[in-house]
């Protein structure tokens, strides 16, 4: 599941970017696999204290990583991360995925 996370943005900016990204993904066959992670307003500052908001996209697929890069390169700064996902043993996509 490609994960799209927002860093260093206030809610209004984040919501606007999420809508824009969803529109860009409308024709992609993997769109329904995507998850969007939003959290409380956050700040991302560089060494000199300047604001540096960005979007991180994590995916297992090199092809999807390339596609996200092409689709979102004009949206804001991007961090594309290739990951290895390991589902919890004995879980299915319809069950809870937390064993706390």
Protein backbone atom coordinates (compact mmCIF):
# COMPACT_ATOMS: atom_id res chain seq x y z
CA UNK A 1 0.00 0.00 0.00
CA UNK A 2 1.62 3.26 -1.03
CA UNK A 3 1.65 5.60 1.96
CA UNK A 4 1.48 9.35 1.44
CA UNK A 5 2.53 11.46 4.44
CA UNK A 6 2.56 15.23 4.88
CA UNK A 7 5.20 17.05 6.90
CA UNK A 8 5.59 20.69 7.86
CA UNK A 9 2.12 21.80 6.77
CA UNK A 10 -0.90 23.34 8.42
CA UNK A 11 -4.21 21.54 8.04
CA UNK A 12 -5.57 23.77 5.29
CA UNK A 13 -2.47 23.32 3.12
CA UNK A 14 -2.39 19.59 3.82
CA UNK A 15 -6.08 19.17 2.95
CA UNK A 16 -5.64 21.13 -0.27
CA UNK A 17 -2.61 19.05 -1.29
CA UNK A 18 -4.39 15.79 -0.47
CA UNK A 19 -7.30 16.78 -2.75
CA UNK A 20 -4.85 17.70 -5.49
CA UNK A 21 -2.96 14.41 -5.13
CA UNK A 22 -6.18 12.40 -5.16
CA UNK A 23 -7.15 14.16 -8.41
CA UNK A 24 -3.75 13.32 -9.92
CA UNK A 25 -4.16 9.66 -8.93
CA UNK A 26 -7.68 9.29 -10.35
CA UNK A 27 -6.55 7.37 -13.44
CA UNK A 28 -3.90 5.23 -11.69
CA UNK A 29 -4.77 1.54 -11.26
CA UNK A 30 -3.17 1.50 -7.78
CA UNK A 31 -5.13 4.51 -6.42
CA UNK A 32 -7.32 2.43 -4.11
CA UNK A 33 -4.24 0.87 -2.53
CA UNK A 34 -3.01 4.30 -1.38
CA UNK A 35 -3.33 5.49 2.20
CA UNK A 36 -2.97 9.10 3.35
CA UNK A 37 -1.43 9.87 6.73
CA UNK A 38 -2.27 13.19 8.32
CA UNK A 39 -1.37 14.27 11.81
CA UNK A 40 -1.40 17.42 13.87
CA UNK A 41 0.13 20.51 12.33
CA UNK A 42 3.87 20.08 12.17
CA UNK A 43 6.94 22.14 11.37
CA UNK A 44 9.93 21.06 9.32
CA UNK A 45 12.86 23.43 9.56
CA UNK A 46 16.24 23.33 7.87
CA UNK A 47 19.48 24.08 9.68
CA UNK A 48 18.96 27.83 9.26
CA UNK A 49 15.41 27.71 10.62
CA UNK A 50 13.63 28.03 7.26
CA UNK A 51 10.40 26.15 6.66
CA UNK A 52 10.87 23.05 4.42
CA UNK A 53 7.52 21.23 4.07
CA UNK A 54 7.49 18.02 2.05
CA UNK A 55 5.50 14.94 1.14
CA UNK A 56 6.89 11.46 1.77
CA UNK A 57 5.64 8.60 -0.39
CA UNK A 58 6.56 5.10 0.76
CA UNK A 59 6.02 2.16 -1.58
CA UNK A 60 7.37 -1.32 -2.24
CA UNK A 61 7.14 -0.93 -6.01
CA UNK A 62 9.89 0.71 -8.05
CA UNK A 63 7.38 1.36 -10.84
CA UNK A 64 4.97 3.07 -8.46
CA UNK A 65 7.82 5.11 -6.97
CA UNK A 66 8.68 6.33 -10.47
CA UNK A 67 5.02 7.08 -11.21
CA UNK A 68 4.59 9.07 -7.99
CA UNK A 69 7.76 11.01 -8.80
CA UNK A 70 6.40 11.96 -12.23
CA UNK A 71 2.90 12.80 -10.97
CA UNK A 72 3.92 14.82 -7.91
CA UNK A 73 7.20 16.50 -8.86
CA UNK A 74 5.46 19.85 -9.36
CA UNK A 75 3.35 19.60 -6.18
CA UNK A 76 6.00 20.23 -3.49
CA UNK A 77 9.26 18.76 -2.24
CA UNK A 78 9.09 14.97 -2.30
CA UNK A 79 10.77 12.14 -0.47
CA UNK A 80 10.20 8.82 -2.24
CA UNK A 81 11.04 5.82 -0.06
CA UNK A 82 11.21 2.20 -1.20
CA UNK A 83 10.11 -0.07 1.66
CA UNK A 84 9.61 -3.72 2.55
CA UNK A 85 6.20 -4.34 4.14
CA UNK A 86 5.66 -7.31 6.45
CA UNK A 87 2.02 -7.89 7.45
CA UNK A 88 1.35 -9.11 10.97
CA UNK A 89 1.38 -12.92 11.06
CA UNK A 90 -2.09 -14.42 10.90
CA UNK A 91 -3.85 -11.22 9.88
CA UNK A 92 -5.97 -10.58 6.84
CA UNK A 93 -6.66 -7.21 5.18
CA UNK A 94 -10.15 -7.13 6.74
CA UNK A 95 -9.01 -7.78 10.32
CA UNK A 96 -7.44 -5.43 12.80
CA UNK A 97 -3.72 -5.14 12.23
CA UNK A 98 -2.68 -4.31 15.77
CA UNK A 99 -1.68 -6.68 18.53
CA UNK A 100 -1.17 -4.35 21.48
